Protein backbone atom coordinates (compact mmCIF):
# COMPACT_ATOMS: atom_id res chain seq x y z
CA UNK A 1 3.95 -19.06 20.44
CA UNK A 2 4.16 -18.71 24.23
CA UNK A 3 5.91 -15.36 23.87
CA UNK A 4 3.15 -14.09 21.57
CA UNK A 5 0.50 -15.13 24.11
CA UNK A 6 2.40 -13.39 26.91
CA UNK A 7 2.65 -10.21 24.84
CA UNK A 8 -1.01 -10.34 23.84
CA UNK A 9 -1.99 -10.71 27.50
CA UNK A 10 0.12 -7.67 28.37
CA UNK A 11 -1.84 -5.65 25.82
CA UNK A 12 -5.20 -6.95 27.03
CA UNK A 13 -4.35 -6.24 30.68
CA UNK A 14 -3.30 -2.70 29.74
CA UNK A 15 -6.54 -2.05 27.85
CA UNK A 16 -8.53 -3.28 30.84
CA UNK A 17 -6.52 -1.34 33.41
CA UNK A 18 -8.38 1.98 33.16
CA UNK A 19 -12.15 1.89 32.67
CA UNK A 20 -12.37 5.68 32.57
CA UNK A 21 -10.14 5.88 29.50
CA UNK A 22 -11.97 5.83 26.16
CA UNK A 23 -9.52 3.75 24.20
CA UNK A 24 -5.75 3.62 23.76
CA UNK A 25 -3.69 4.89 20.84
CA UNK A 26 -1.44 2.20 19.37
CA UNK A 27 1.63 4.34 20.06
CA UNK A 28 0.68 4.53 23.75
CA UNK A 29 0.14 0.78 23.89
CA UNK A 30 3.51 0.14 22.25
CA UNK A 31 5.25 2.42 24.73
CA UNK A 32 3.51 1.08 27.84
CA UNK A 33 4.10 -2.61 27.08
CA UNK A 34 7.62 -2.03 25.76
CA UNK A 35 7.14 -3.57 22.33
CA UNK A 36 8.06 -2.28 18.87
CA UNK A 37 5.20 -0.55 17.08
CA UNK A 38 5.17 -3.17 14.31
CA UNK A 39 4.89 -6.03 16.83
CA UNK A 40 2.16 -4.22 18.74
CA UNK A 41 0.20 -3.63 15.54
CA UNK A 42 0.49 -7.28 14.51
CA UNK A 43 -0.71 -8.54 17.91
CA UNK A 44 -3.59 -6.07 18.08
CA UNK A 45 -4.69 -7.01 14.55
CA UNK A 46 -4.95 -10.63 15.68
CA UNK A 47 -6.89 -9.65 18.82
CA UNK A 48 -9.28 -7.55 16.72
CA UNK A 49 -9.80 -10.48 14.34
CA UNK A 50 -10.96 -12.61 17.28
CA UNK A 51 -13.13 -9.77 18.71
CA UNK A 52 -11.04 -9.60 21.88
CA UNK A 53 -10.14 -5.99 21.04
CA UNK A 54 -12.11 -3.41 19.02
CA UNK A 55 -10.95 -0.26 17.26
CA UNK A 56 -13.15 2.79 17.79
CA UNK A 57 -13.91 4.14 14.29
CA UNK A 58 -14.01 7.80 15.37
CA UNK A 59 -10.64 7.95 17.12
CA UNK A 60 -8.86 4.81 15.81
CA UNK A 61 -8.10 3.96 19.43
CA UNK A 62 -8.40 0.47 20.89
CA UNK A 63 -10.40 -0.96 23.78
CA UNK A 64 -11.44 -4.43 25.02
CA UNK A 65 -13.98 -6.16 22.78
CA UNK A 66 -17.41 -7.50 23.68
CA UNK A 67 -16.09 -11.05 23.38
CA UNK A 68 -14.88 -10.77 27.00
CA UNK A 69 -18.42 -9.96 28.15
CA UNK A 70 -19.80 -12.82 26.08
CA UNK A 71 -17.34 -15.29 27.61
CA UNK A 72 -18.00 -13.93 31.10
CA UNK A 73 -21.77 -14.19 30.72
CA UNK A 74 -21.44 -17.75 29.42
CA UNK A 75 -19.40 -18.69 32.49
CA UNK A 76 -21.95 -17.08 34.81
CA UNK A 77 -24.77 -18.86 32.96
CA UNK A 78 -23.03 -22.21 33.37
CA UNK A 79 -22.44 -21.62 37.09
CA UNK A 80 -26.07 -20.55 37.55
CA UNK A 81 -27.26 -23.59 35.61
CA UNK A 82 -25.22 -25.96 37.76
CA UNK A 83 -26.41 -24.29 40.98
CA UNK A 84 -30.05 -24.32 39.88
CA UNK A 85 -29.91 -27.90 38.63
CA UNK A 86 -28.14 -29.54 41.56
CA UNK A 87 -31.07 -29.96 44.02
CA UNK A 88 -33.37 -31.07 41.20
CA UNK A 89 -30.76 -33.60 40.03
CA UNK A 90 -30.49 -34.96 43.57
CA UNK A 91 -34.26 -35.39 43.72
CA UNK A 92 -34.33 -37.12 40.33
CA UNK A 93 -31.53 -39.50 41.36
CA UNK A 94 -33.46 -40.37 44.52
CA UNK A 95 -36.72 -40.90 42.62
CA UNK A 96 -35.27 -42.91 39.77
CA UNK A 97 -32.41 -44.54 41.71
CA UNK A 98 -30.18 -44.02 38.65
CA UNK A 99 -27.19 -41.81 37.85
CA UNK A 100 -28.22 -38.31 36.74
CA UNK A 101 -25.96 -36.02 34.76
CA UNK A 102 -25.97 -32.47 33.43
CA UNK A 103 -24.47 -31.63 30.04
CA UNK A 104 -23.94 -28.38 28.14
CA UNK A 105 -23.27 -27.73 24.44
CA UNK A 106 -19.65 -26.84 23.68
CA UNK A 107 -19.31 -26.15 19.97
CA UNK A 108 -19.43 -29.46 18.12
CA UNK A 109 -19.13 -31.27 21.46
CA UNK A 110 -20.98 -31.48 24.74
CA UNK A 111 -19.43 -31.47 28.18
CA UNK A 112 -20.64 -33.01 31.42
CA UNK A 113 -20.56 -30.39 34.18
CA UNK A 114 -22.28 -32.21 37.06
CA UNK A 115 -23.40 -35.67 38.13
CA UNK A 116 -25.38 -37.27 40.96
CA UNK A 117 -25.03 -41.01 41.53
CA UNK A 118 -28.14 -43.09 42.05
CA UNK A 119 -28.71 -45.74 44.71
CA UNK A 120 -28.48 -48.78 42.45
CA UNK A 121 -25.40 -50.92 42.98
CA UNK A 122 -24.41 -50.88 39.31
CA UNK A 123 -23.88 -47.30 38.22
CA UNK A 124 -23.33 -45.81 34.79
CA UNK A 125 -20.19 -43.70 34.95
CA UNK A 126 -20.12 -40.40 33.06
CA UNK A 127 -16.86 -38.44 33.13
CA UNK A 128 -17.17 -34.80 34.15
CA UNK A 129 -15.38 -32.46 31.76
CA UNK A 130 -15.25 -35.12 29.05
CA UNK A 131 -16.03 -33.83 25.56
CA UNK A 132 -18.47 -35.95 23.58
CA UNK A 133 -19.21 -35.38 19.89
CA UNK A 134 -22.69 -33.91 19.45
CA UNK A 135 -24.05 -36.74 17.31
CA UNK A 136 -23.46 -39.33 20.06
CA UNK A 137 -25.87 -40.03 22.92
CA UNK A 138 -29.30 -38.92 24.06
CA UNK A 139 -28.24 -35.65 25.77
CA UNK A 140 -26.54 -34.43 22.60
CA UNK A 141 -29.39 -35.46 20.32
CA UNK A 142 -31.97 -33.70 22.45
CA UNK A 143 -29.84 -30.53 22.45
CA UNK A 144 -29.46 -30.71 18.66
CA UNK A 145 -33.22 -31.18 18.34
CA UNK A 146 -33.81 -27.94 20.22
CA UNK A 147 -31.38 -25.87 18.16
CA UNK A 148 -32.26 -24.13 14.92
CA UNK A 149 -32.08 -26.65 12.11
CA UNK A 150 -29.29 -24.76 10.33
CA UNK A 151 -27.21 -24.70 13.52
CA UNK A 152 -27.69 -28.42 14.13
CA UNK A 153 -26.90 -29.23 10.51
CA UNK A 154 -23.70 -27.14 10.59
CA UNK A 155 -22.52 -29.06 13.66
CA UNK A 156 -23.30 -32.45 12.12
CA UNK A 157 -21.54 -31.59 8.85
CA UNK A 158 -18.36 -31.05 10.89
CA UNK A 159 -18.77 -34.41 12.64
CA UNK A 160 -20.33 -36.87 10.21
CA UNK A 161 -18.76 -37.68 6.85
CA UNK A 162 -21.46 -40.19 6.01
CA UNK A 163 -24.12 -38.06 4.32
CA UNK A 164 -26.84 -40.71 4.58
CA UNK A 165 -26.37 -41.16 8.34
CA UNK A 166 -26.30 -37.40 8.77
CA UNK A 167 -29.62 -37.06 6.93
CA UNK A 168 -31.13 -39.82 9.06
CA UNK A 169 -30.16 -38.05 12.27
CA UNK A 170 -31.38 -34.67 11.01
CA UNK A 171 -34.72 -36.19 10.02
CA UNK A 172 -35.08 -37.69 13.52
CA UNK A 173 -34.60 -34.36 15.33
CA UNK A 174 -38.15 -32.95 14.89
CA UNK A 175 -39.60 -36.14 16.40
CA UNK A 176 -37.21 -35.91 19.35
CA UNK A 177 -38.20 -32.29 19.95
CA UNK A 178 -41.91 -33.16 19.79
CA UNK A 179 -41.48 -36.07 22.22
CA UNK A 180 -39.58 -33.86 24.65
CA UNK A 181 -36.81 -36.37 25.23
CA UNK A 182 -34.25 -38.60 23.49
CA UNK A 183 -33.09 -42.12 24.27
CA UNK A 184 -29.89 -43.82 23.12
CA UNK A 185 -28.55 -47.35 23.48
CA UNK A 186 -24.86 -48.28 23.79
CA UNK A 187 -23.72 -45.23 21.80
CA UNK A 188 -21.04 -44.20 24.26
CA UNK A 189 -20.53 -47.27 26.46
CA UNK A 190 -21.51 -50.87 25.70
CA UNK A 191 -24.38 -52.15 27.85
CA UNK A 192 -25.66 -48.70 28.80
CA UNK A 193 -28.52 -46.46 27.75
CA UNK A 194 -29.35 -42.80 28.33
CA UNK A 195 -32.56 -40.79 28.48
CA UNK A 196 -32.34 -36.99 28.31
CA UNK A 197 -34.51 -33.87 28.11
CA UNK A 198 -33.50 -30.33 27.11
CA UNK A 199 -32.93 -27.37 29.40
CA UNK A 200 -33.95 -24.08 27.79
CA UNK A 201 -32.47 -20.74 28.79
CA UNK A 202 -32.96 -17.07 27.97
CA UNK A 203 -34.29 -16.40 24.48
CA UNK A 204 -35.59 -19.98 24.20
CA UNK A 205 -32.06 -21.18 23.49
CA UNK A 206 -31.05 -24.68 24.56
CA UNK A 207 -28.38 -24.37 27.26
CA UNK A 208 -28.07 -27.95 28.43
CA UNK A 209 -29.54 -31.40 28.84
CA UNK A 210 -30.59 -33.36 31.90
CA UNK A 211 -29.84 -37.04 31.47
CA UNK A 212 -30.29 -40.36 33.22
CA UNK A 213 -27.85 -43.21 32.68
CA UNK A 214 -29.00 -46.81 33.05
CA UNK A 215 -27.82 -50.26 32.07
CA UNK A 216 -29.67 -51.62 29.05
CA UNK A 217 -30.83 -54.77 30.83
CA UNK A 218 -32.73 -52.61 33.34
CA UNK A 219 -34.46 -50.46 30.74
CA UNK A 220 -37.78 -52.19 30.17
CA UNK A 221 -40.55 -50.40 28.29
CA UNK A 222 -42.28 -49.64 31.59
CA UNK A 223 -39.03 -48.32 33.08
CA UNK A 224 -38.37 -46.15 30.03
CA UNK A 225 -41.86 -44.65 30.27
CA UNK A 226 -41.35 -43.82 33.96
CA UNK A 227 -37.84 -42.36 33.58
CA UNK A 228 -38.64 -40.33 30.46
CA UNK A 229 -41.57 -38.65 32.23
CA UNK A 230 -39.38 -37.94 35.26
CA UNK A 231 -36.50 -36.45 33.27
CA UNK A 232 -38.86 -34.25 31.23
CA UNK A 233 -40.54 -32.91 34.38
CA UNK A 234 -37.24 -32.20 36.13
CA UNK A 235 -35.72 -30.56 33.05
CA UNK A 236 -38.79 -28.29 32.89
CA UNK A 237 -38.20 -27.39 36.55
CA UNK A 238 -34.60 -26.39 35.82
CA UNK A 239 -35.75 -24.39 32.79
CA UNK A 240 -38.28 -22.52 34.95
CA UNK A 241 -35.69 -21.90 37.67
CA UNK A 242 -33.18 -20.27 35.29
CA UNK A 243 -35.88 -18.22 33.58
CA UNK A 244 -36.12 -20.10 30.30
């Protein structure tokens, strides 16, 4: 397995080594990386399958696939999102005195990529880099609500075996989208609640969620009304900043 990855990386690095060259013949690749032609063909076939390499139909030569650009742009988008969101998150944490966190969709999971602690003594702890299934918690539900219904349903089918619960969540998504925020109670950690609003990027695609974590005993109806308005406003600011 490790050897195959090493060999695949050799091929990829070769294909990326000369931007002026319009593709590589498989025989040239085999010779340059020092692998048998059959092995080279097998590895390239796998790379083509995953769109990491493409074969030019006119010449049958190979070059890097657009998947690398897609991955690169996603990484840039995430870095730009974090940079744009940080000062707004700091302001929200100061205004609400609660922990503020930034999440992004990651397939059937979400991932926390930044956090600002509030000034209250008892803080809700969210782990950065932790993957959370998309049907759990306010940030994930508000991101699902702002996806296309088919996309959200496909994610939930992979996560929820209980068809009735899945239907209930799907039926709740339009209301969440209309409200502009989601709230959840003790779905991830006992005694905590979360309020979150979506962050929309280029092409009106949801790229993240801005959330506030509180303890449930502090979340009165008045407090929920205040925090939900704050998180919606600040999420809109981030959306405007990144050009959504």
